[in-house]
Protein backbone atom coordinates (compact mmCIF):
# COMPACT_ATOMS: atom_id res chain seq x y z
CA MET A 1 47.44 -7.96 7.09
CA LYS A 2 46.44 -8.36 10.73
CA ARG A 3 42.85 -9.44 11.36
CA ARG A 4 42.50 -6.68 13.99
CA VAL A 5 43.36 -4.00 11.44
CA PHE A 6 41.02 -5.53 8.88
CA LEU A 7 38.02 -5.52 11.22
CA LYS A 8 38.73 -2.07 12.57
CA GLY A 9 39.05 -0.56 9.11
CA ILE A 10 35.37 -0.72 8.24
CA GLY A 11 33.48 -1.53 11.32
CA GLY A 12 33.66 -5.08 12.49
CA ALA A 13 31.40 -8.05 12.43
CA ALA A 14 29.43 -7.16 9.29
CA LEU A 15 32.55 -7.40 7.17
CA ALA A 16 33.62 -10.54 8.96
CA VAL A 17 30.59 -12.46 7.69
CA PRO A 18 32.11 -13.69 4.42
CA PHE A 19 35.12 -15.06 6.24
CA LEU A 20 33.12 -16.95 8.85
CA SER A 21 31.61 -19.93 7.06
CA SER A 22 28.86 -20.67 9.57
CA LEU A 23 27.51 -17.11 9.41
CA ALA A 24 27.83 -17.04 5.66
CA GLU A 25 25.73 -20.20 5.40
CA GLN A 26 23.07 -18.70 7.65
CA GLN A 27 23.03 -15.55 5.52
CA ALA A 28 22.64 -17.57 2.33
CA LYS A 29 19.76 -19.57 3.79
CA ALA A 30 18.01 -16.41 5.01
CA GLN A 31 18.39 -14.80 1.61
CA ALA A 32 17.01 -17.87 -0.16
CA ALA A 33 14.04 -17.94 2.22
CA ALA A 34 13.18 -14.29 1.56
CA VAL A 35 11.03 -15.03 -1.48
CA PRO A 36 8.51 -12.22 -2.03
CA PRO A 37 4.89 -13.24 -1.49
CA LYS A 38 2.53 -13.66 -4.42
CA ARG A 39 -0.72 -11.74 -4.54
CA SER A 40 -4.07 -11.46 -6.31
CA LEU A 41 -5.57 -8.05 -7.06
CA ILE A 42 -8.88 -7.56 -8.87
CA PHE A 43 -9.76 -4.13 -10.32
CA PHE A 44 -13.52 -4.36 -10.97
CA THR A 45 -15.73 -2.12 -13.09
CA HIS A 46 -19.45 -2.26 -13.94
CA ASN A 47 -21.64 -2.10 -17.04
CA GLY A 48 -19.26 -3.49 -19.63
CA CYS A 49 -17.59 -1.33 -22.24
CA LEU A 50 -17.50 -0.43 -25.91
CA THR A 51 -15.87 -3.69 -26.86
CA ASN A 52 -14.73 -2.58 -30.31
CA ARG A 53 -12.75 0.28 -28.74
CA TRP A 54 -11.46 -1.86 -25.86
CA PHE A 55 -10.17 -4.99 -27.61
CA PRO A 56 -6.97 -4.83 -29.67
CA THR A 57 -7.36 -6.24 -33.17
CA LEU A 58 -4.59 -8.68 -32.21
CA GLU A 59 -6.22 -11.78 -30.70
CA ASP A 60 -3.14 -13.91 -30.18
CA GLY A 61 0.56 -13.15 -30.14
CA PRO A 62 3.14 -10.65 -28.86
CA LEU A 63 1.81 -7.30 -27.69
CA THR A 64 3.34 -3.97 -28.57
CA ALA A 65 2.30 -0.47 -27.61
CA ALA A 66 1.11 0.05 -31.20
CA ALA A 67 -1.06 -3.09 -30.98
CA LEU A 68 -3.06 -1.84 -28.00
CA SER A 69 -6.55 -0.53 -28.62
CA PRO A 70 -7.45 3.16 -28.16
CA THR A 71 -8.99 2.40 -24.75
CA LEU A 72 -5.97 0.43 -23.53
CA ALA A 73 -3.44 3.00 -24.81
CA PRO A 74 -2.73 4.33 -21.25
CA LEU A 75 -1.21 0.89 -20.50
CA ALA A 76 1.43 1.27 -23.24
CA PRO A 77 4.32 1.92 -20.79
CA TYR A 78 3.66 -1.48 -19.19
CA VAL A 79 2.89 -3.50 -22.33
CA SER A 80 5.76 -5.92 -21.66
CA LYS A 81 4.06 -6.90 -18.38
CA LEU A 82 0.54 -7.34 -19.76
CA LEU A 83 -1.39 -10.53 -20.48
CA LEU A 84 -4.63 -10.27 -22.46
CA PRO A 85 -6.55 -13.54 -22.10
CA ARG A 86 -9.16 -13.58 -24.89
CA GLY A 87 -12.19 -15.83 -25.05
CA PHE A 88 -13.48 -16.29 -21.49
CA ARG A 89 -17.13 -16.37 -20.48
CA SER A 90 -18.67 -15.85 -17.04
CA MET A 91 -21.25 -18.45 -16.12
CA ASN A 92 -24.94 -18.15 -15.19
CA GLY A 93 -26.04 -15.72 -17.87
CA TYR A 94 -29.48 -14.13 -17.76
CA ALA A 95 -32.32 -16.57 -18.56
CA VAL A 96 -29.88 -19.50 -18.77
CA GLY A 97 -30.43 -21.59 -15.66
CA GLN A 98 -31.97 -18.67 -13.76
CA THR A 99 -34.14 -15.80 -14.89
CA ILE A 100 -33.24 -13.07 -12.46
CA ASP A 101 -32.00 -9.53 -13.17
CA PRO A 102 -28.86 -9.83 -15.33
CA HIS A 103 -26.85 -7.45 -13.14
CA ASP A 104 -27.75 -9.42 -10.01
CA GLN A 105 -26.60 -12.62 -11.69
CA ALA A 106 -23.44 -11.07 -13.08
CA MET A 107 -22.42 -9.82 -9.64
CA GLY A 108 -23.42 -12.82 -7.53
CA SER A 109 -21.95 -15.39 -9.90
CA LYS A 110 -18.90 -13.43 -11.06
CA LEU A 111 -16.39 -14.58 -8.41
CA THR A 112 -18.31 -17.65 -7.23
CA CYS A 113 -19.28 -19.47 -10.45
CA ALA A 114 -22.44 -20.47 -8.59
CA LYS A 115 -26.14 -19.66 -8.59
CA ILE A 116 -27.61 -16.77 -6.64
CA THR A 117 -30.53 -17.05 -4.23
CA ASP A 118 -34.04 -16.30 -5.44
CA ASP A 119 -34.97 -14.31 -2.32
CA SER A 120 -34.86 -10.52 -2.10
CA ASN A 121 -31.12 -10.40 -1.38
CA ARG A 122 -30.13 -12.33 -4.51
CA TYR A 123 -26.80 -13.13 -2.85
CA ALA A 124 -24.36 -15.80 -4.06
CA THR A 125 -24.78 -19.39 -2.88
CA ALA A 126 -21.03 -19.97 -2.55
CA VAL A 127 -17.83 -18.35 -1.28
CA SER A 128 -16.12 -15.93 -3.69
CA LEU A 129 -12.65 -16.33 -5.20
CA ASP A 130 -11.02 -13.60 -3.10
CA HIS A 131 -11.91 -15.41 0.13
CA VAL A 132 -10.81 -18.80 -1.17
CA ILE A 133 -7.43 -17.32 -2.13
CA ALA A 134 -7.09 -15.34 1.11
CA LYS A 135 -7.73 -18.40 3.26
CA GLN A 136 -4.75 -20.13 1.66
CA ILE A 137 -2.16 -17.39 1.14
CA ASN A 138 -3.01 -14.54 3.52
CA PRO A 139 -0.92 -14.20 6.70
CA GLY A 140 -2.90 -16.11 9.30
CA GLY A 141 -5.63 -16.82 6.76
CA ALA A 142 -7.01 -13.30 7.21
CA THR A 143 -9.97 -12.13 5.14
CA PRO A 144 -9.25 -10.29 1.87
CA LEU A 145 -8.99 -6.52 1.63
CA VAL A 146 -12.09 -5.50 -0.33
CA LEU A 147 -12.25 -1.79 -1.15
CA SER A 148 -14.65 0.42 -3.05
CA VAL A 149 -15.32 4.10 -3.64
CA GLY A 150 -18.57 6.00 -3.32
CA ALA A 151 -21.36 5.12 -0.92
CA SER A 152 -21.38 1.94 1.12
CA SER A 153 -23.89 -0.63 -0.11
CA THR A 154 -24.94 -4.19 0.64
CA LYS A 155 -27.23 -4.48 -2.40
CA ILE A 156 -26.38 -7.29 -4.77
CA LYS A 157 -25.77 -4.90 -7.68
CA GLU A 158 -22.83 -3.47 -5.74
CA VAL A 159 -21.56 -6.51 -3.78
CA LEU A 160 -18.90 -8.71 -5.33
CA SER A 161 -17.35 -10.50 -2.34
CA PHE A 162 -19.00 -13.30 -0.33
CA SER A 163 -17.40 -14.79 2.78
CA ALA A 164 -19.91 -17.66 2.92
CA PRO A 165 -23.02 -18.77 1.03
CA ASN A 166 -25.67 -16.04 1.20
CA THR A 167 -23.28 -13.84 3.20
CA ALA A 168 -22.16 -10.60 1.61
CA PHE A 169 -18.74 -9.16 2.49
CA PRO A 170 -19.25 -5.40 2.06
CA ALA A 171 -16.38 -3.30 0.76
CA ASN A 172 -14.61 -0.70 2.86
CA VAL A 173 -15.29 2.68 1.23
CA ASN A 174 -13.30 4.91 3.60
CA PRO A 175 -9.54 5.35 3.00
CA GLN A 176 -9.19 6.76 6.51
CA THR A 177 -10.34 3.46 8.04
CA VAL A 178 -7.79 1.44 6.06
CA TYR A 179 -5.05 3.94 6.85
CA ASN A 180 -5.81 3.85 10.58
CA GLN A 181 -5.53 0.06 10.58
CA LEU A 182 -2.13 0.19 8.87
CA THR A 183 -0.57 2.95 10.96
CA GLY A 184 -0.83 0.71 14.01
CA LEU A 185 1.64 -1.62 12.31
CA PHE A 186 4.28 1.00 11.54
CA LYS A 187 7.62 0.28 13.14
CA PRO A 188 8.30 2.80 15.92
CA GLY A 189 11.57 4.71 15.73
CA SER A 190 13.78 4.63 18.82
CA ALA A 191 15.64 7.69 17.64
CA ALA A 192 15.37 10.44 15.08
CA PRO A 193 16.33 9.21 11.61
CA THR A 194 19.82 10.07 10.42
CA VAL A 195 20.82 11.32 6.98
CA GLY A 196 21.95 7.77 6.29
CA ASP A 197 18.53 6.38 7.27
CA TYR A 198 16.88 8.87 4.95
CA LYS A 199 19.11 7.96 2.01
CA VAL A 200 18.81 4.20 2.50
CA ALA A 201 15.01 4.50 2.74
CA ARG A 202 15.10 6.08 -0.70
CA GLY A 203 17.28 3.51 -2.33
CA ALA A 204 20.83 4.61 -1.60
CA SER A 205 23.33 1.82 -0.99
CA ALA A 206 24.63 1.32 2.53
CA ILE A 207 28.08 0.90 0.95
CA ASP A 208 27.83 4.33 -0.68
CA LEU A 209 27.17 5.89 2.71
CA VAL A 210 30.64 4.80 3.95
CA LYS A 211 32.46 5.36 0.67
CA SER A 212 35.22 7.54 2.12
CA ASP A 213 35.94 5.13 4.99
CA LEU A 214 35.96 2.25 2.56
CA ALA A 215 38.43 4.01 0.26
CA ARG A 216 40.86 4.56 3.16
CA PHE A 217 40.53 0.94 4.19
CA GLN A 218 41.17 -0.38 0.69
CA ALA A 219 44.31 1.79 0.52
CA LEU A 220 45.88 -0.18 3.36
CA ASN A 221 48.81 -2.41 2.56
CA MET A 222 47.22 -5.83 2.10
CA SER A 223 47.89 -8.83 -0.07
CA GLN A 224 46.25 -9.26 -3.43
CA THR A 225 44.33 -12.21 -2.01
CA ASP A 226 42.90 -10.03 0.73
CA LYS A 227 42.03 -7.32 -1.79
CA SER A 228 40.19 -9.91 -3.87
CA ARG A 229 38.36 -11.15 -0.80
CA VAL A 230 37.22 -7.63 0.06
CA GLN A 231 36.06 -6.96 -3.49
CA ASP A 232 34.24 -10.29 -3.67
CA TRP A 233 32.51 -9.51 -0.41
CA LEU A 234 31.50 -6.01 -1.57
CA ASP A 235 29.98 -7.55 -4.68
CA LEU A 236 28.11 -10.05 -2.49
CA LEU A 237 26.88 -7.27 -0.21
CA ARG A 238 25.56 -5.24 -3.12
CA THR A 239 23.76 -8.28 -4.50
CA THR A 240 22.26 -9.12 -1.12
CA GLU A 241 21.34 -5.50 -0.48
CA THR A 242 19.62 -5.18 -3.84
CA GLY A 243 17.61 -8.31 -3.05
CA ILE A 244 16.27 -7.06 0.26
CA MET A 245 15.77 -3.35 -0.37
CA THR A 246 12.32 -2.03 -1.19
CA THR A 247 11.27 1.45 -2.18
CA PRO A 248 9.69 2.44 0.16
CA SER A 249 11.85 0.21 2.29
CA SER A 250 9.60 -0.96 5.13
CA CYS A 251 6.20 -0.86 6.78
CA SER A 252 6.61 2.61 8.23
CA ALA A 253 5.31 6.15 8.28
CA ASP A 254 8.09 6.97 5.84
CA ALA A 255 6.74 4.39 3.40
CA ALA A 256 3.24 5.86 3.72
CA THR A 257 4.57 9.38 3.14
CA SER A 258 6.50 8.22 0.09
CA LEU A 259 3.19 6.98 -1.34
CA GLY A 260 1.47 10.29 -0.61
CA ALA A 261 -0.52 8.82 2.27
CA THR A 262 -0.11 11.58 4.84
CA ASP A 263 -2.69 12.35 7.51
CA ALA A 264 -3.85 15.42 5.58
CA ALA A 265 -4.02 13.66 2.21
CA VAL A 266 -5.95 10.69 3.61
CA LYS A 267 -8.41 13.03 5.30
CA ALA A 268 -8.93 14.98 2.07
CA ALA A 269 -9.60 11.72 0.20
CA SER A 270 -12.13 10.52 2.80
CA PRO A 271 -15.15 12.83 2.53
CA GLY A 272 -17.54 12.84 5.44
CA GLY A 273 -21.31 12.98 5.17
CA ALA A 274 -23.66 11.64 2.54
CA ILE A 275 -22.52 10.58 -0.93
CA SER A 276 -25.11 10.99 -3.68
CA GLY A 277 -25.23 10.98 -7.45
CA GLY A 278 -25.94 7.26 -7.76
CA ALA A 279 -28.90 4.94 -7.91
CA PHE A 280 -28.33 3.64 -4.37
CA SER A 281 -27.15 6.86 -2.73
CA GLY A 282 -30.44 8.02 -1.27
CA GLY A 283 -31.02 11.19 -3.27
CA ASN A 284 -29.04 14.07 -4.73
CA SER A 285 -27.50 17.15 -3.19
CA ALA A 286 -24.70 19.51 -4.18
CA THR A 287 -22.60 18.35 -1.23
CA GLY A 288 -23.41 14.69 -1.83
CA ASN A 289 -22.41 14.90 -5.49
CA SER A 290 -19.20 16.70 -4.54
CA ASN A 291 -18.43 13.94 -2.06
CA LEU A 292 -18.98 11.34 -4.79
CA ALA A 293 -16.55 13.14 -7.10
CA THR A 294 -13.98 13.29 -4.30
CA SER A 295 -14.45 9.62 -3.52
CA PHE A 296 -14.04 8.54 -7.15
CA THR A 297 -10.97 10.71 -7.76
CA LEU A 298 -8.91 11.37 -4.63
CA GLY A 299 -10.54 8.49 -2.78
CA GLY A 300 -9.90 5.91 -5.49
CA ASP A 301 -6.29 7.00 -5.86
CA MET A 302 -5.80 6.82 -2.10
CA MET A 303 -7.29 3.32 -2.04
CA MET A 304 -4.57 2.35 -4.52
CA ASN A 305 -1.99 3.74 -2.13
CA MET A 306 -3.56 1.73 0.69
CA ILE A 307 -3.25 -1.42 -1.42
CA ALA A 308 0.43 -0.72 -2.09
CA LEU A 309 1.06 0.03 1.59
CA SER A 310 -0.73 -3.17 2.61
CA MET A 311 1.57 -5.07 0.26
CA ILE A 312 4.64 -3.43 1.77
CA CYS A 313 3.41 -4.26 5.27
CA ASP A 314 2.33 -7.73 4.04
CA THR A 315 -0.99 -7.51 5.86
CA ASN A 316 -2.92 -8.89 2.89
CA ARG A 317 -2.32 -10.77 -0.35
CA SER A 318 -5.86 -10.91 -1.73
CA PHE A 319 -7.34 -7.59 -2.86
CA ILE A 320 -10.39 -6.22 -4.65
CA LEU A 321 -10.93 -2.60 -5.71
CA VAL A 322 -14.48 -1.89 -6.96
CA TYR A 323 -15.77 1.16 -8.81
CA PRO A 324 -19.59 1.30 -8.52
CA GLY A 325 -21.61 1.41 -11.72
CA TYR A 326 -24.75 3.36 -10.81
CA VAL A 327 -23.16 6.80 -10.70
CA THR A 328 -23.19 9.91 -12.87
CA PHE A 329 -19.70 10.93 -13.98
CA ASN A 330 -19.13 14.60 -13.24
CA TRP A 331 -15.41 14.99 -12.69
CA ASP A 332 -12.06 15.06 -14.49
CA GLY A 333 -13.56 16.93 -17.43
CA ILE A 334 -16.54 14.55 -17.82
CA THR A 335 -19.93 16.28 -17.41
CA HIS A 336 -22.67 13.69 -17.84
CA THR A 337 -26.33 14.08 -16.96
CA HIS A 338 -27.17 10.34 -17.04
CA ASP A 339 -25.70 7.64 -14.84
CA HIS A 340 -23.28 5.07 -16.24
CA HIS A 341 -25.82 2.25 -16.05
CA GLY A 342 -28.39 4.17 -18.07
CA LEU A 343 -25.77 5.16 -20.63
CA SER A 344 -24.67 1.55 -20.98
CA HIS A 345 -28.26 0.71 -21.99
CA ARG A 346 -27.98 3.53 -24.57
CA THR A 347 -31.39 4.75 -23.35
CA GLY A 348 -30.26 6.82 -20.39
CA ASP A 349 -32.38 4.78 -17.97
CA PHE A 350 -33.22 1.23 -16.86
CA THR A 351 -35.14 0.30 -20.00
CA VAL A 352 -33.62 -2.17 -22.43
CA GLY A 353 -33.86 -2.07 -26.23
CA GLY A 354 -35.63 0.34 -28.55
CA ALA A 355 -34.17 3.63 -29.70
CA CYS A 356 -31.01 5.22 -28.39
CA GLY A 357 -32.27 7.87 -26.01
CA VAL A 358 -29.09 9.89 -25.44
CA VAL A 359 -27.41 11.93 -28.16
CA GLY A 360 -23.68 11.22 -28.24
CA VAL A 361 -24.03 8.23 -25.93
CA LEU A 362 -21.20 6.25 -27.56
CA ASP A 363 -18.67 9.00 -26.97
CA MET A 364 -19.90 9.29 -23.39
CA LEU A 365 -19.32 5.57 -22.84
CA GLY A 366 -15.94 5.86 -24.51
CA ALA A 367 -14.97 8.63 -22.08
CA ILE A 368 -15.92 6.43 -19.11
CA ASP A 369 -13.99 3.46 -20.51
CA MET A 370 -10.92 5.68 -20.99
CA TRP A 371 -11.25 7.08 -17.46
CA TYR A 372 -11.20 3.55 -16.04
CA SER A 373 -8.29 2.58 -18.26
CA LYS A 374 -6.26 5.49 -16.93
CA LYS A 375 -7.09 4.47 -13.37
CA PHE A 376 -6.02 0.88 -14.01
CA ALA A 377 -2.82 2.19 -15.60
CA LYS A 378 -2.25 4.34 -12.52
CA LEU A 379 -2.59 1.30 -10.26
CA VAL A 380 -0.27 -0.78 -12.47
CA GLY A 381 2.26 2.05 -12.60
CA LEU A 382 2.19 2.46 -8.83
CA LEU A 383 2.92 -1.22 -8.20
CA ASP A 384 5.59 -1.17 -10.90
CA SER A 385 7.38 1.73 -9.19
CA ILE A 386 7.95 0.00 -5.84
CA GLY A 387 10.87 -2.37 -5.50
CA GLU A 388 10.52 -5.80 -3.95
CA GLY A 389 13.23 -8.42 -3.96
CA GLY A 390 14.89 -8.30 -7.34
CA GLY A 391 11.82 -6.81 -9.03
CA LYS A 392 8.70 -4.80 -8.30
CA LEU A 393 5.48 -5.31 -6.37
CA LEU A 394 3.75 -5.70 -9.74
CA ASP A 395 6.00 -8.62 -10.70
CA ASN A 396 4.81 -10.65 -7.72
CA THR A 397 1.13 -9.82 -8.22
CA ALA A 398 -1.56 -10.83 -10.70
CA THR A 399 -3.38 -7.50 -11.14
CA MET A 400 -6.53 -8.16 -13.16
CA TRP A 401 -9.02 -5.70 -14.64
CA LEU A 402 -12.22 -7.74 -14.49
CA PRO A 403 -15.51 -6.38 -15.90
CA GLU A 404 -19.08 -7.12 -14.84
CA LEU A 405 -20.23 -7.57 -18.47
CA SER A 406 -18.84 -7.43 -21.99
CA ASP A 407 -21.29 -4.94 -23.52
CA GLY A 408 -23.67 -3.08 -21.22
CA ALA A 409 -26.61 -3.04 -23.61
CA ALA A 410 -26.38 -6.71 -24.56
CA HIS A 411 -25.66 -7.75 -20.94
CA ASN A 412 -23.57 -10.53 -22.45
CA LEU A 413 -20.93 -12.45 -20.51
CA ASN A 414 -18.99 -14.05 -23.36
CA ASN A 415 -15.74 -12.71 -24.83
CA LEU A 416 -15.05 -10.73 -21.66
CA PRO A 417 -12.60 -7.81 -21.88
CA ILE A 418 -9.92 -8.84 -19.37
CA VAL A 419 -6.32 -7.70 -18.92
CA ILE A 420 -3.79 -8.93 -16.34
CA ALA A 421 -0.65 -7.01 -15.36
CA GLY A 422 2.19 -8.76 -13.56
CA SER A 423 3.23 -12.40 -13.67
CA ALA A 424 2.66 -13.48 -10.03
CA GLY A 425 6.33 -14.29 -9.53
CA GLY A 426 6.91 -15.50 -13.08
CA TYR A 427 3.99 -17.93 -13.30
CA LEU A 428 2.01 -16.10 -15.98
CA LYS A 429 3.02 -15.10 -19.48
CA GLN A 430 3.64 -11.43 -20.14
CA GLY A 431 3.64 -9.16 -23.16
CA VAL A 432 1.15 -11.29 -25.09
CA ALA A 433 -2.48 -11.73 -26.06
CA VAL A 434 -3.68 -15.32 -25.76
CA ASN A 435 -6.79 -16.60 -27.53
CA VAL A 436 -7.83 -19.36 -25.15
CA GLU A 437 -10.71 -20.51 -27.35
CA GLY A 438 -8.64 -20.97 -30.47
CA LYS A 439 -11.10 -19.51 -32.98
CA ALA A 440 -11.75 -15.99 -34.20
CA LEU A 441 -13.49 -13.90 -31.54
CA GLY A 442 -14.04 -10.50 -33.08
CA LEU A 443 -14.46 -7.14 -31.37
CA GLY A 444 -18.19 -7.32 -30.72
CA ASN A 445 -20.79 -4.89 -32.10
CA SER A 446 -20.87 -2.14 -29.50
CA GLU A 447 -20.97 0.58 -32.17
CA LYS A 448 -22.80 -1.22 -34.94
CA THR A 449 -25.80 1.08 -34.62
CA CYS A 450 -27.03 3.63 -32.05
CA VAL A 451 -25.81 6.60 -34.03
CA ASN A 452 -27.77 9.86 -34.12
CA GLY A 453 -30.71 8.39 -32.21
CA GLY A 454 -30.96 5.16 -34.21
CA ASP A 455 -31.91 1.76 -32.84
CA ILE A 456 -29.64 0.03 -30.35
CA GLY A 457 -29.44 -3.11 -32.48
CA ASN A 458 -27.29 -6.15 -31.71
CA THR A 459 -24.44 -5.21 -29.41
CA GLY A 460 -23.39 -8.73 -28.46
CA SER A 461 -19.87 -10.11 -28.76
CA PHE A 462 -19.29 -13.26 -30.80
CA GLY A 463 -17.33 -16.27 -29.61
CA GLY A 464 -15.49 -16.44 -26.33
CA ASN A 465 -17.11 -19.25 -24.34
CA VAL A 466 -14.27 -20.84 -22.35
CA PRO A 467 -15.50 -21.02 -18.74
CA ILE A 468 -13.98 -18.34 -16.54
CA ASN A 469 -13.51 -21.03 -13.88
CA LYS A 470 -10.37 -22.08 -15.76
CA LEU A 471 -8.95 -18.57 -15.53
CA TYR A 472 -9.59 -18.54 -11.80
CA VAL A 473 -7.90 -21.94 -11.41
CA THR A 474 -4.89 -20.58 -13.30
CA LEU A 475 -4.72 -17.52 -11.04
CA MET A 476 -5.06 -19.63 -7.89
CA ASN A 477 -2.11 -21.75 -8.97
CA ALA A 478 -0.17 -18.63 -9.92
CA VAL A 479 -0.40 -17.18 -6.41
CA GLY A 480 0.44 -20.46 -4.66
CA CYS A 481 -2.90 -22.03 -3.76
CA LYS A 482 -3.08 -25.82 -3.46
CA GLY A 483 -5.73 -28.39 -4.26
CA PRO A 484 -7.21 -30.77 -1.68
CA ASP A 485 -4.43 -33.28 -2.35
CA GLY A 486 -1.67 -30.71 -1.91
CA GLY A 487 -1.04 -30.49 -5.63
CA LYS A 488 -2.25 -27.92 -8.12
CA VAL A 489 -5.78 -26.53 -8.02
CA THR A 490 -7.90 -28.10 -10.75
CA THR A 491 -11.44 -26.83 -10.13
CA PHE A 492 -13.26 -23.79 -8.84
CA GLY A 493 -16.96 -23.03 -8.48
CA GLU A 494 -20.16 -25.03 -8.61
CA PHE A 495 -20.55 -25.38 -12.39
CA ASP A 496 -18.80 -24.31 -15.58
CA GLY A 497 -21.52 -24.69 -18.23
CA THR A 498 -24.02 -22.16 -19.47
CA GLY A 499 -26.66 -23.65 -17.16
CA THR A 500 -26.55 -24.22 -13.42
CA THR A 501 -26.24 -27.99 -13.36
CA GLY A 502 -23.65 -30.54 -14.39
CA GLY A 503 -20.86 -29.47 -12.04
CA ILE A 504 -17.35 -28.91 -13.37
CA THR A 505 -17.00 -30.53 -16.76
CA ASN A 506 -13.73 -28.90 -17.86
CA PRO A 507 -11.22 -28.99 -14.97
CA GLY A 508 -7.66 -27.69 -14.92
CA GLU A 509 -5.89 -24.44 -15.60
CA VAL A 510 -5.22 -22.85 -19.00
CA ALA A 511 -1.67 -23.91 -19.76
CA LYS A 512 -1.41 -21.38 -22.60
CA LEU A 513 -1.57 -18.56 -20.03
CA THR A 514 1.37 -19.84 -17.99
CA ALA A 515 5.02 -19.07 -18.64
CA ALA A 516 5.65 -22.81 -18.86
CA GLY A 517 2.80 -23.42 -21.30
């Protein structure tokens, strides 16, 4: 067969690539270099949970949908991509090293593993994990994308991220602002999209779009060797195409629309005016409470879309999404009259201990825990629906549900309820629960008493005292961070004991959490 006929049959240089060794080598190198980025994403909730409803009875071993607890049941479709690390403790607990409000300590020390200041701000005395990760793996070392819903706040009870010692990094609470920043990056179209563009953007193969032309070309009289070469090349093209296609396919308006992030939808999810219904909202009003409900529902879901779009555009690789804790749930079928913080105390207010002051408080807390579980499942499902390389966005991300506390009444920081979805490019184990402490942990005592107005009793969790620093070190290594010597990260934070002195006494990652461990 003449070379001229071969090239003309299906359109030239693209098909010539496999027969031109220098171009083929360049293509192979480019494909090998196109390794998807790794990312860290923290989904943060306040006030702990009902631990006995949250934890599966399985403490170590393979996870199945049946093994998940009632609260984690919404995650059943993704159980093969879940890692439940059991037995971690956050440092700097109340009255251990410092005697400052337990919520202030839990927030300021959570992602810093450091003390908080004793002035009125009560801010952290070190940089938080999200900034440390962002500095190493973000394009250009950009700051992390920290998002929240509800009203903007710089109070320590609502601030999780710190860009420097004693320097809060407030969350962005407006989806419209994030959307406006991303639309400036969308690739402009030089011409109206064709039917082919539309189909490829939604996952159709470029080969399928020229199927009829290809069939005519393959019907030409050519040697068996040439036929084999063409078939080998088509197989190569499909493999290459699968590796580079993403759904949505690029940082574009089409990608945003595919995620539901249209101008109208973003506007609807970004309420203007005051947001009330929370302890730091500045009062209550019908409009303010309606805005809070919109922010928690449409706004939170849109923030998830903004995270996914940021991943597609690769503008950020370190993310936090915070749901404030001092709010009264009055949406999605939940009609509470006490805020989440007060309910977590079982009293309905800021007081601690004594008699349970709210009838049915345990079921109310269970409803909040389930609402958050469904939201985390929604985020996981979104990232698991978008192709990237040979897998999904979720596969290249460590998506962690991290709580402020274990139980809200005990204010305890041991045996934290944590779940991670995604393996960060294969670094982390999946489909398992891992007891990192190695001894029985239990489910805690969140429902031991407090029934029908009885005493609150002991709601603490037993066991679970491995320093959370080691989890953070594991995650830093998973997403590609390096230690000072260029090797693996071995330490994070100022201290890893129950006090605030002694430095890091237990360095290194938790090998049992890694795929290689």
